All heavy atoms as atom14 arrays in JSON, in Angstrom:
{
  "sequence": "FALTKEEEVKAKDKELDKTMILDTVKHKDLLAKQAEKRGMEVPTQKE",
  "atom14_mask": [
    [1, 1, 1, 1, 1, 1, 1, 1, 1, 1, 1, 0, 0, 0],
    [1, 1, 1, 1, 1, 0, 0, 0, 0, 0, 0, 0, 0, 0],
    [1, 1, 1, 1, 1, 1, 1, 1, 0, 0, 0, 0, 0, 0],
    [1, 1, 1, 1, 1, 1, 1, 0, 0, 0, 0, 0, 0, 0],
    [1, 1, 1, 1, 1, 1, 1, 1, 1, 0, 0, 0, 0, 0],
    [1, 1, 1, 1, 1, 1, 1, 1, 1, 0, 0, 0, 0, 0],
    [1, 1, 1, 1, 1, 1, 1, 1, 1, 0, 0, 0, 0, 0],
    [1, 1, 1, 1, 1, 1, 1, 1, 1, 0, 0, 0, 0, 0],
    [1, 1, 1, 1, 1, 1, 1, 0, 0, 0, 0, 0, 0, 0],
    [1, 1, 1, 1, 1, 1, 1, 1, 1, 0, 0, 0, 0, 0],
    [1, 1, 1, 1, 1, 0, 0, 0, 0, 0, 0, 0, 0, 0],
    [1, 1, 1, 1, 1, 1, 1, 1, 1, 0, 0, 0, 0, 0],
    [1, 1, 1, 1, 1, 1, 1, 1, 0, 0, 0, 0, 0, 0],
    [1, 1, 1, 1, 1, 1, 1, 1, 1, 0, 0, 0, 0, 0],
    [1, 1, 1, 1, 1, 1, 1, 1, 1, 0, 0, 0, 0, 0],
    [1, 1, 1, 1, 1, 1, 1, 1, 0, 0, 0, 0, 0, 0],
    [1, 1, 1, 1, 1, 1, 1, 1, 0, 0, 0, 0, 0, 0],
    [1, 1, 1, 1, 1, 1, 1, 1, 1, 0, 0, 0, 0, 0],
    [1, 1, 1, 1, 1, 1, 1, 0, 0, 0, 0, 0, 0, 0],
    [1, 1, 1, 1, 1, 1, 1, 1, 0, 0, 0, 0, 0, 0],
    [1, 1, 1, 1, 1, 1, 1, 1, 0, 0, 0, 0, 0, 0],
    [1, 1, 1, 1, 1, 1, 1, 1, 0, 0, 0, 0, 0, 0],
    [1, 1, 1, 1, 1, 1, 1, 1, 0, 0, 0, 0, 0, 0],
    [1, 1, 1, 1, 1, 1, 1, 0, 0, 0, 0, 0, 0, 0],
    [1, 1, 1, 1, 1, 1, 1, 0, 0, 0, 0, 0, 0, 0],
    [1, 1, 1, 1, 1, 1, 1, 1, 1, 0, 0, 0, 0, 0],
    [1, 1, 1, 1, 1, 1, 1, 1, 1, 1, 0, 0, 0, 0],
    [1, 1, 1, 1, 1, 1, 1, 1, 1, 0, 0, 0, 0, 0],
    [1, 1, 1, 1, 1, 1, 1, 1, 0, 0, 0, 0, 0, 0],
    [1, 1, 1, 1, 1, 1, 1, 1, 0, 0, 0, 0, 0, 0],
    [1, 1, 1, 1, 1, 1, 1, 1, 0, 0, 0, 0, 0, 0],
    [1, 1, 1, 1, 1, 0, 0, 0, 0, 0, 0, 0, 0, 0],
    [1, 1, 1, 1, 1, 1, 1, 1, 1, 0, 0, 0, 0, 0],
    [1, 1, 1, 1, 1, 1, 1, 1, 1, 0, 0, 0, 0, 0],
    [1, 1, 1, 1, 1, 0, 0, 0, 0, 0, 0, 0, 0, 0],
    [1, 1, 1, 1, 1, 1, 1, 1, 1, 0, 0, 0, 0, 0],
    [1, 1, 1, 1, 1, 1, 1, 1, 1, 0, 0, 0, 0, 0],
    [1, 1, 1, 1, 1, 1, 1, 1, 1, 1, 1, 0, 0, 0],
    [1, 1, 1, 1, 0, 0, 0, 0, 0, 0, 0, 0, 0, 0],
    [1, 1, 1, 1, 1, 1, 1, 1, 0, 0, 0, 0, 0, 0],
    [1, 1, 1, 1, 1, 1, 1, 1, 1, 0, 0, 0, 0, 0],
    [1, 1, 1, 1, 1, 1, 1, 0, 0, 0, 0, 0, 0, 0],
    [1, 1, 1, 1, 1, 1, 1, 0, 0, 0, 0, 0, 0, 0],
    [1, 1, 1, 1, 1, 1, 1, 0, 0, 0, 0, 0, 0, 0],
    [1, 1, 1, 1, 1, 1, 1, 1, 1, 0, 0, 0, 0, 0],
    [1, 1, 1, 1, 1, 1, 1, 1, 1, 0, 0, 0, 0, 0],
    [1, 1, 1, 1, 1, 1, 1, 1, 1, 0, 0, 0, 0, 0]
  ],
  "atom14_positions": [
    [[-10.02, 15.25, -19.94], [-8.73, 15.74, -19.36], [-7.73, 14.65, -19.68], [-7.96, 13.48, -19.38], [-8.91, 15.95, -17.85], [-7.66, 16.41, -17.2], [-7.19, 17.68, -17.33], [-6.93, 15.51, -16.46], [-5.98, 18.11, -16.77], [-5.67, 15.91, -15.87], [-5.3, 17.23, -16.04], [0.0, 0.0, 0.0], [0.0, 0.0, 0.0], [0.0, 0.0, 0.0]],
    [[-6.62, 15.06, -20.26], [-5.64, 14.06, -20.63], [-4.25, 14.49, -20.16], [-3.83, 15.62, -20.35], [-5.57, 13.83, -22.12], [0.0, 0.0, 0.0], [0.0, 0.0, 0.0], [0.0, 0.0, 0.0], [0.0, 0.0, 0.0], [0.0, 0.0, 0.0], [0.0, 0.0, 0.0], [0.0, 0.0, 0.0], [0.0, 0.0, 0.0], [0.0, 0.0, 0.0]],
    [[-3.53, 13.61, -19.45], [-2.13, 13.82, -19.01], [-1.21, 13.22, -20.06], [-1.5, 12.31, -20.82], [-1.91, 13.17, -17.68], [-2.61, 13.76, -16.47], [-2.44, 12.84, -15.28], [-2.16, 15.18, -16.17], [0.0, 0.0, 0.0], [0.0, 0.0, 0.0], [0.0, 0.0, 0.0], [0.0, 0.0, 0.0], [0.0, 0.0, 0.0], [0.0, 0.0, 0.0]],
    [[0.03, 13.73, -20.06], [1.16, 13.03, -20.8], [1.48, 11.78, -20.11], [1.18, 11.6, -18.95], [2.31, 13.97, -20.98], [2.86, 14.23, -19.65], [1.99, 15.3, -21.59], [0.0, 0.0, 0.0], [0.0, 0.0, 0.0], [0.0, 0.0, 0.0], [0.0, 0.0, 0.0], [0.0, 0.0, 0.0], [0.0, 0.0, 0.0], [0.0, 0.0, 0.0]],
    [[2.19, 10.9, -20.78], [2.59, 9.61, -20.13], [3.5, 9.94, -18.94], [3.37, 9.19, -17.86], [3.33, 8.76, -21.16], [2.49, 8.17, -22.23], [3.23, 7.18, -23.17], [2.31, 6.59, -24.18], [3.03, 5.66, -25.07], [0.0, 0.0, 0.0], [0.0, 0.0, 0.0], [0.0, 0.0, 0.0], [0.0, 0.0, 0.0], [0.0, 0.0, 0.0]],
    [[4.37, 10.88, -19.03], [5.25, 11.2, -17.91], [4.45, 11.74, -16.67], [4.66, 11.32, -15.58], [6.27, 12.27, -18.37], [7.25, 12.65, -17.29], [8.29, 13.73, -17.7], [8.23, 13.96, -18.9], [9.07, 14.18, -16.91], [0.0, 0.0, 0.0], [0.0, 0.0, 0.0], [0.0, 0.0, 0.0], [0.0, 0.0, 0.0], [0.0, 0.0, 0.0]],
    [[3.45, 12.56, -16.98], [2.6, 13.12, -15.88], [1.8, 12.03, -15.25], [1.53, 11.97, -14.04], [1.73, 14.24, -16.43], [2.45, 15.58, -16.7], [1.5, 16.57, -17.3], [0.69, 16.21, -18.16], [1.62, 17.77, -16.97], [0.0, 0.0, 0.0], [0.0, 0.0, 0.0], [0.0, 0.0, 0.0], [0.0, 0.0, 0.0], [0.0, 0.0, 0.0]],
    [[1.34, 11.08, -16.06], [0.48, 9.97, -15.58], [1.28, 9.09, -14.64], [0.75, 8.63, -13.62], [-0.02, 9.19, -16.78], [-1.15, 8.12, -16.37], [-1.62, 7.36, -17.55], [-1.2, 7.63, -18.66], [-2.43, 6.5, -17.32], [0.0, 0.0, 0.0], [0.0, 0.0, 0.0], [0.0, 0.0, 0.0], [0.0, 0.0, 0.0], [0.0, 0.0, 0.0]],
    [[2.56, 8.81, -14.99], [3.46, 8.02, -14.15], [3.66, 8.7, -12.81], [3.63, 8.08, -11.74], [4.78, 7.7, -14.84], [5.82, 7.12, -13.87], [4.58, 6.79, -16.03], [0.0, 0.0, 0.0], [0.0, 0.0, 0.0], [0.0, 0.0, 0.0], [0.0, 0.0, 0.0], [0.0, 0.0, 0.0], [0.0, 0.0, 0.0], [0.0, 0.0, 0.0]],
    [[3.94, 10.04, -12.8], [4.14, 10.81, -11.59], [2.93, 10.76, -10.73], [3.01, 10.66, -9.46], [4.52, 12.22, -11.98], [5.92, 12.43, -12.42], [6.14, 14.0, -12.67], [7.64, 14.16, -13.15], [7.86, 15.62, -13.34], [0.0, 0.0, 0.0], [0.0, 0.0, 0.0], [0.0, 0.0, 0.0], [0.0, 0.0, 0.0], [0.0, 0.0, 0.0]],
    [[1.73, 10.86, -11.33], [0.5, 10.87, -10.59], [0.27, 9.6, -9.88], [-0.17, 9.47, -8.73], [-0.69, 11.22, -11.54], [0.0, 0.0, 0.0], [0.0, 0.0, 0.0], [0.0, 0.0, 0.0], [0.0, 0.0, 0.0], [0.0, 0.0, 0.0], [0.0, 0.0, 0.0], [0.0, 0.0, 0.0], [0.0, 0.0, 0.0], [0.0, 0.0, 0.0]],
    [[0.61, 8.42, -10.58], [0.44, 7.11, -10.02], [1.42, 6.91, -8.81], [1.09, 6.33, -7.86], [0.63, 6.05, -11.09], [-0.51, 5.92, -12.04], [-0.25, 4.85, -13.15], [-1.42, 4.71, -14.03], [-1.21, 3.68, -15.07], [0.0, 0.0, 0.0], [0.0, 0.0, 0.0], [0.0, 0.0, 0.0], [0.0, 0.0, 0.0], [0.0, 0.0, 0.0]],
    [[2.69, 7.43, -9.0], [3.66, 7.3, -7.9], [3.19, 8.05, -6.69], [3.39, 7.62, -5.56], [5.03, 7.85, -8.42], [5.67, 6.91, -9.44], [5.26, 5.73, -9.46], [6.63, 7.32, -10.07], [0.0, 0.0, 0.0], [0.0, 0.0, 0.0], [0.0, 0.0, 0.0], [0.0, 0.0, 0.0], [0.0, 0.0, 0.0], [0.0, 0.0, 0.0]],
    [[2.59, 9.25, -6.92], [2.09, 10.05, -5.75], [0.96, 9.36, -5.07], [0.94, 9.35, -3.81], [1.66, 11.44, -6.27], [1.3, 12.43, -5.16], [0.92, 13.78, -5.75], [2.17, 14.47, -6.24], [1.91, 15.86, -6.62], [0.0, 0.0, 0.0], [0.0, 0.0, 0.0], [0.0, 0.0, 0.0], [0.0, 0.0, 0.0], [0.0, 0.0, 0.0]],
    [[0.03, 8.7, -5.79], [-1.01, 7.99, -5.17], [-0.53, 6.78, -4.36], [-1.01, 6.49, -3.33], [-2.0, 7.53, -6.24], [-2.88, 8.62, -6.82], [-3.83, 9.24, -5.86], [-4.3, 8.5, -4.92], [-4.03, 10.42, -5.99], [0.0, 0.0, 0.0], [0.0, 0.0, 0.0], [0.0, 0.0, 0.0], [0.0, 0.0, 0.0], [0.0, 0.0, 0.0]],
    [[0.5, 6.12, -4.89], [1.16, 4.99, -4.18], [1.78, 5.43, -2.83], [1.63, 4.8, -1.84], [2.27, 4.35, -5.09], [2.96, 3.11, -4.46], [1.94, 2.05, -4.14], [4.0, 2.64, -5.41], [0.0, 0.0, 0.0], [0.0, 0.0, 0.0], [0.0, 0.0, 0.0], [0.0, 0.0, 0.0], [0.0, 0.0, 0.0], [0.0, 0.0, 0.0]],
    [[2.51, 6.62, -2.89], [3.06, 7.17, -1.68], [1.98, 7.48, -0.66], [2.2, 7.23, 0.57], [3.86, 8.43, -1.98], [5.13, 8.17, -2.71], [5.57, 6.98, -2.71], [5.65, 9.07, -3.41], [0.0, 0.0, 0.0], [0.0, 0.0, 0.0], [0.0, 0.0, 0.0], [0.0, 0.0, 0.0], [0.0, 0.0, 0.0], [0.0, 0.0, 0.0]],
    [[0.89, 8.08, -1.1], [-0.19, 8.41, -0.19], [-0.79, 7.12, 0.47], [-1.14, 7.08, 1.66], [-1.31, 9.12, -0.95], [-2.5, 9.6, -0.13], [-3.47, 10.36, -1.04], [-4.66, 10.86, -0.21], [-5.66, 11.5, -1.1], [0.0, 0.0, 0.0], [0.0, 0.0, 0.0], [0.0, 0.0, 0.0], [0.0, 0.0, 0.0], [0.0, 0.0, 0.0]],
    [[-1.0, 6.06, -0.36], [-1.53, 4.83, 0.14], [-0.58, 4.23, 1.18], [-1.03, 3.71, 2.2], [-1.63, 3.82, -1.01], [-2.63, 4.4, -1.96], [-2.31, 2.49, -0.5], [0.0, 0.0, 0.0], [0.0, 0.0, 0.0], [0.0, 0.0, 0.0], [0.0, 0.0, 0.0], [0.0, 0.0, 0.0], [0.0, 0.0, 0.0], [0.0, 0.0, 0.0]],
    [[0.76, 4.25, 0.97], [1.69, 3.73, 1.93], [1.69, 4.47, 3.2], [1.73, 3.84, 4.33], [3.12, 3.82, 1.32], [3.33, 2.85, 0.11], [4.92, 3.09, -0.65], [6.07, 2.54, 0.7], [0.0, 0.0, 0.0], [0.0, 0.0, 0.0], [0.0, 0.0, 0.0], [0.0, 0.0, 0.0], [0.0, 0.0, 0.0], [0.0, 0.0, 0.0]],
    [[1.48, 5.84, 3.21], [1.38, 6.57, 4.44], [0.18, 6.18, 5.26], [0.2, 5.99, 6.49], [1.35, 8.15, 4.13], [2.73, 8.54, 3.59], [1.04, 8.9, 5.39], [2.75, 9.97, 2.99], [0.0, 0.0, 0.0], [0.0, 0.0, 0.0], [0.0, 0.0, 0.0], [0.0, 0.0, 0.0], [0.0, 0.0, 0.0], [0.0, 0.0, 0.0]],
    [[-0.97, 6.02, 4.5], [-2.16, 5.66, 5.2], [-2.16, 4.27, 5.8], [-2.61, 3.96, 6.88], [-3.37, 5.76, 4.23], [-3.78, 7.19, 3.75], [-4.88, 7.03, 2.67], [-4.35, 7.89, 4.99], [0.0, 0.0, 0.0], [0.0, 0.0, 0.0], [0.0, 0.0, 0.0], [0.0, 0.0, 0.0], [0.0, 0.0, 0.0], [0.0, 0.0, 0.0]],
    [[-1.5, 3.37, 5.04], [-1.28, 1.96, 5.56], [-0.4, 1.93, 6.8], [-0.64, 1.12, 7.7], [-0.66, 1.09, 4.47], [-1.67, 0.8, 3.33], [-2.82, 0.92, 3.58], [-1.23, 0.31, 2.28], [0.0, 0.0, 0.0], [0.0, 0.0, 0.0], [0.0, 0.0, 0.0], [0.0, 0.0, 0.0], [0.0, 0.0, 0.0], [0.0, 0.0, 0.0]],
    [[0.56, 2.79, 6.84], [1.45, 2.89, 8.07], [0.65, 3.32, 9.27], [0.82, 2.82, 10.36], [2.62, 3.88, 7.76], [3.32, 3.37, 6.66], [3.55, 3.91, 8.98], [0.0, 0.0, 0.0], [0.0, 0.0, 0.0], [0.0, 0.0, 0.0], [0.0, 0.0, 0.0], [0.0, 0.0, 0.0], [0.0, 0.0, 0.0], [0.0, 0.0, 0.0]],
    [[-0.2, 4.34, 9.11], [-1.06, 4.84, 10.17], [-1.95, 3.69, 10.7], [-2.14, 3.5, 11.91], [-1.84, 6.1, 9.73], [-2.84, 6.42, 10.8], [-0.91, 7.2, 9.46], [0.0, 0.0, 0.0], [0.0, 0.0, 0.0], [0.0, 0.0, 0.0], [0.0, 0.0, 0.0], [0.0, 0.0, 0.0], [0.0, 0.0, 0.0], [0.0, 0.0, 0.0]],
    [[-2.59, 2.97, 9.73], [-3.54, 1.93, 10.12], [-2.73, 0.79, 10.84], [-3.27, 0.15, 11.74], [-4.18, 1.36, 8.85], [-5.21, 2.31, 8.2], [-5.8, 1.69, 6.96], [-6.79, 2.68, 6.33], [-7.29, 2.08, 5.05], [0.0, 0.0, 0.0], [0.0, 0.0, 0.0], [0.0, 0.0, 0.0], [0.0, 0.0, 0.0], [0.0, 0.0, 0.0]],
    [[-1.53, 0.51, 10.35], [-0.72, -0.54, 11.01], [-0.43, -0.16, 12.46], [-0.51, -1.02, 13.35], [0.59, -0.7, 10.23], [1.45, -1.84, 10.75], [1.11, -3.12, 10.76], [2.69, -1.78, 11.3], [2.07, -3.81, 11.29], [3.0, -3.07, 11.58], [0.0, 0.0, 0.0], [0.0, 0.0, 0.0], [0.0, 0.0, 0.0], [0.0, 0.0, 0.0]],
    [[-0.07, 1.07, 12.7], [0.23, 1.5, 14.08], [-1.01, 1.4, 15.01], [-0.96, 0.95, 16.1], [0.76, 2.97, 14.09], [2.13, 3.15, 13.54], [2.55, 4.56, 13.59], [4.0, 4.76, 13.05], [4.4, 6.14, 13.07], [0.0, 0.0, 0.0], [0.0, 0.0, 0.0], [0.0, 0.0, 0.0], [0.0, 0.0, 0.0], [0.0, 0.0, 0.0]],
    [[-2.21, 1.74, 14.42], [-3.47, 1.65, 15.2], [-3.68, 0.13, 15.53], [-4.11, -0.16, 16.65], [-4.61, 2.2, 14.37], [-4.56, 3.69, 14.32], [-3.87, 4.29, 15.15], [-5.25, 4.24, 13.49], [0.0, 0.0, 0.0], [0.0, 0.0, 0.0], [0.0, 0.0, 0.0], [0.0, 0.0, 0.0], [0.0, 0.0, 0.0], [0.0, 0.0, 0.0]],
    [[-3.49, -0.7, 14.57], [-3.7, -2.17, 14.76], [-2.8, -2.71, 15.88], [-3.22, -3.51, 16.71], [-3.51, -2.93, 13.43], [-3.71, -4.43, 13.51], [-5.14, -4.76, 13.88], [-3.39, -5.06, 12.13], [0.0, 0.0, 0.0], [0.0, 0.0, 0.0], [0.0, 0.0, 0.0], [0.0, 0.0, 0.0], [0.0, 0.0, 0.0], [0.0, 0.0, 0.0]],
    [[-1.52, -2.31, 15.84], [-0.57, -2.85, 16.83], [-0.99, -2.34, 18.21], [-0.91, -3.12, 19.24], [0.87, -2.32, 16.54], [1.54, -2.97, 15.32], [2.88, -2.33, 15.07], [1.72, -4.47, 15.56], [0.0, 0.0, 0.0], [0.0, 0.0, 0.0], [0.0, 0.0, 0.0], [0.0, 0.0, 0.0], [0.0, 0.0, 0.0], [0.0, 0.0, 0.0]],
    [[-1.44, -1.09, 18.33], [-1.85, -0.55, 19.58], [-3.13, -1.31, 20.15], [-3.14, -1.65, 21.32], [-2.2, 0.92, 19.52], [0.0, 0.0, 0.0], [0.0, 0.0, 0.0], [0.0, 0.0, 0.0], [0.0, 0.0, 0.0], [0.0, 0.0, 0.0], [0.0, 0.0, 0.0], [0.0, 0.0, 0.0], [0.0, 0.0, 0.0], [0.0, 0.0, 0.0]],
    [[-4.05, -1.59, 19.28], [-5.28, -2.38, 19.65], [-4.89, -3.78, 20.13], [-5.43, -4.33, 21.17], [-6.27, -2.41, 18.55], [-6.9, -1.08, 18.25], [-7.85, -1.14, 17.07], [-8.49, 0.23, 16.84], [-9.36, 0.17, 15.65], [0.0, 0.0, 0.0], [0.0, 0.0, 0.0], [0.0, 0.0, 0.0], [0.0, 0.0, 0.0], [0.0, 0.0, 0.0]],
    [[-3.95, -4.45, 19.38], [-3.49, -5.77, 19.75], [-2.85, -5.8, 21.17], [-3.04, -6.69, 21.98], [-2.57, -6.33, 18.73], [-3.33, -6.7, 17.4], [-2.34, -7.19, 16.31], [-1.16, -6.99, 16.41], [-2.86, -7.83, 15.29], [0.0, 0.0, 0.0], [0.0, 0.0, 0.0], [0.0, 0.0, 0.0], [0.0, 0.0, 0.0], [0.0, 0.0, 0.0]],
    [[-2.03, -4.76, 21.4], [-1.27, -4.64, 22.71], [-2.33, -4.5, 23.85], [-2.17, -5.08, 24.86], [-0.34, -3.48, 22.68], [0.0, 0.0, 0.0], [0.0, 0.0, 0.0], [0.0, 0.0, 0.0], [0.0, 0.0, 0.0], [0.0, 0.0, 0.0], [0.0, 0.0, 0.0], [0.0, 0.0, 0.0], [0.0, 0.0, 0.0], [0.0, 0.0, 0.0]],
    [[-3.4, -3.73, 23.57], [-4.42, -3.46, 24.58], [-5.12, -4.78, 24.92], [-5.45, -5.07, 26.1], [-5.37, -2.43, 24.15], [-4.81, -1.03, 24.16], [-5.81, 0.0, 23.57], [-6.91, -0.38, 23.17], [-5.47, 1.2, 23.54], [0.0, 0.0, 0.0], [0.0, 0.0, 0.0], [0.0, 0.0, 0.0], [0.0, 0.0, 0.0], [0.0, 0.0, 0.0]],
    [[-5.42, -5.53, 23.87], [-6.13, -6.85, 24.08], [-5.31, -7.84, 24.9], [-5.82, -8.63, 25.71], [-6.47, -7.49, 22.74], [-7.6, -6.72, 22.05], [-7.89, -7.4, 20.76], [-9.1, -6.73, 19.99], [-9.4, -7.43, 18.7], [0.0, 0.0, 0.0], [0.0, 0.0, 0.0], [0.0, 0.0, 0.0], [0.0, 0.0, 0.0], [0.0, 0.0, 0.0]],
    [[-3.96, -7.76, 24.8], [-3.11, -8.69, 25.48], [-2.73, -8.11, 26.91], [-1.96, -8.74, 27.62], [-1.78, -8.84, 24.74], [-1.99, -9.62, 23.36], [-0.77, -9.58, 22.5], [-0.99, -10.14, 21.23], [-0.08, -10.03, 20.17], [1.0, -9.35, 20.34], [-0.35, -10.56, 19.03], [0.0, 0.0, 0.0], [0.0, 0.0, 0.0], [0.0, 0.0, 0.0]],
    [[-3.28, -7.01, 27.23], [-2.99, -6.47, 28.58], [-1.69, -5.75, 28.67], [-1.14, -5.55, 29.72], [0.0, 0.0, 0.0], [0.0, 0.0, 0.0], [0.0, 0.0, 0.0], [0.0, 0.0, 0.0], [0.0, 0.0, 0.0], [0.0, 0.0, 0.0], [0.0, 0.0, 0.0], [0.0, 0.0, 0.0], [0.0, 0.0, 0.0], [0.0, 0.0, 0.0]],
    [[-1.04, -5.51, 27.51], [0.27, -4.85, 27.49], [0.08, -3.38, 27.66], [-0.94, -2.78, 27.21], [1.01, -5.16, 26.17], [1.32, -6.61, 25.95], [1.91, -6.95, 24.31], [3.42, -5.99, 24.25], [0.0, 0.0, 0.0], [0.0, 0.0, 0.0], [0.0, 0.0, 0.0], [0.0, 0.0, 0.0], [0.0, 0.0, 0.0], [0.0, 0.0, 0.0]],
    [[1.1, -2.77, 28.24], [1.06, -1.31, 28.4], [1.48, -0.68, 27.06], [2.54, -0.91, 26.5], [2.05, -0.84, 29.51], [1.99, 0.63, 29.77], [2.94, 1.08, 30.9], [3.53, 0.12, 31.54], [3.13, 2.23, 31.05], [0.0, 0.0, 0.0], [0.0, 0.0, 0.0], [0.0, 0.0, 0.0], [0.0, 0.0, 0.0], [0.0, 0.0, 0.0]],
    [[0.62, 0.21, 26.61], [0.87, 0.9, 25.33], [1.6, 2.23, 25.71], [1.11, 3.02, 26.47], [-0.42, 1.2, 24.62], [-0.11, 1.96, 23.33], [-1.14, -0.07, 24.34], [0.0, 0.0, 0.0], [0.0, 0.0, 0.0], [0.0, 0.0, 0.0], [0.0, 0.0, 0.0], [0.0, 0.0, 0.0], [0.0, 0.0, 0.0], [0.0, 0.0, 0.0]],
    [[2.83, 2.45, 25.1], [3.49, 3.64, 25.41], [2.65, 4.87, 25.06], [2.12, 4.94, 23.94], [4.75, 3.6, 24.59], [4.83, 2.24, 23.95], [3.51, 1.59, 24.15], [0.0, 0.0, 0.0], [0.0, 0.0, 0.0], [0.0, 0.0, 0.0], [0.0, 0.0, 0.0], [0.0, 0.0, 0.0], [0.0, 0.0, 0.0], [0.0, 0.0, 0.0]],
    [[2.53, 5.87, 25.89], [1.85, 7.06, 25.61], [2.82, 8.23, 25.36], [3.88, 8.33, 26.04], [0.89, 7.38, 26.78], [1.65, 7.6, 27.99], [-0.14, 6.3, 26.92], [0.0, 0.0, 0.0], [0.0, 0.0, 0.0], [0.0, 0.0, 0.0], [0.0, 0.0, 0.0], [0.0, 0.0, 0.0], [0.0, 0.0, 0.0], [0.0, 0.0, 0.0]],
    [[2.42, 9.06, 24.48], [3.25, 10.26, 24.21], [2.61, 11.45, 24.9], [1.42, 11.49, 25.17], [3.3, 10.53, 22.68], [4.01, 9.4, 21.9], [4.08, 9.76, 20.46], [3.29, 10.52, 19.92], [5.01, 9.19, 19.73], [0.0, 0.0, 0.0], [0.0, 0.0, 0.0], [0.0, 0.0, 0.0], [0.0, 0.0, 0.0], [0.0, 0.0, 0.0]],
    [[3.42, 12.43, 25.19], [2.95, 13.65, 25.75], [2.01, 14.29, 24.76], [2.3, 14.38, 23.55], [4.07, 14.56, 26.1], [4.95, 14.21, 27.3], [5.97, 15.25, 27.62], [6.73, 14.79, 28.92], [7.72, 15.82, 29.26], [0.0, 0.0, 0.0], [0.0, 0.0, 0.0], [0.0, 0.0, 0.0], [0.0, 0.0, 0.0], [0.0, 0.0, 0.0]],
    [[0.85, 14.78, 25.3], [-0.14, 15.42, 24.44], [0.39, 16.74, 23.9], [0.98, 17.47, 24.65], [-1.42, 15.61, 25.25], [-2.53, 16.21, 24.28], [-3.83, 16.42, 25.13], [-3.77, 16.34, 26.36], [-4.83, 16.63, 24.45], [0.0, 0.0, 0.0], [0.0, 0.0, 0.0], [0.0, 0.0, 0.0], [0.0, 0.0, 0.0], [0.0, 0.0, 0.0]]
  ]
}
């Protein structure tokens, strides 16, 4: 299976965007865990 150079660049950009979204989610989880360890109140959202 072979992509054109243009399609290959688009595919790499899409994978980068996906990685950035996942990293943002992980970062939020990490901040929440750190706040819990310090005894800080973690803001809760309505379910």
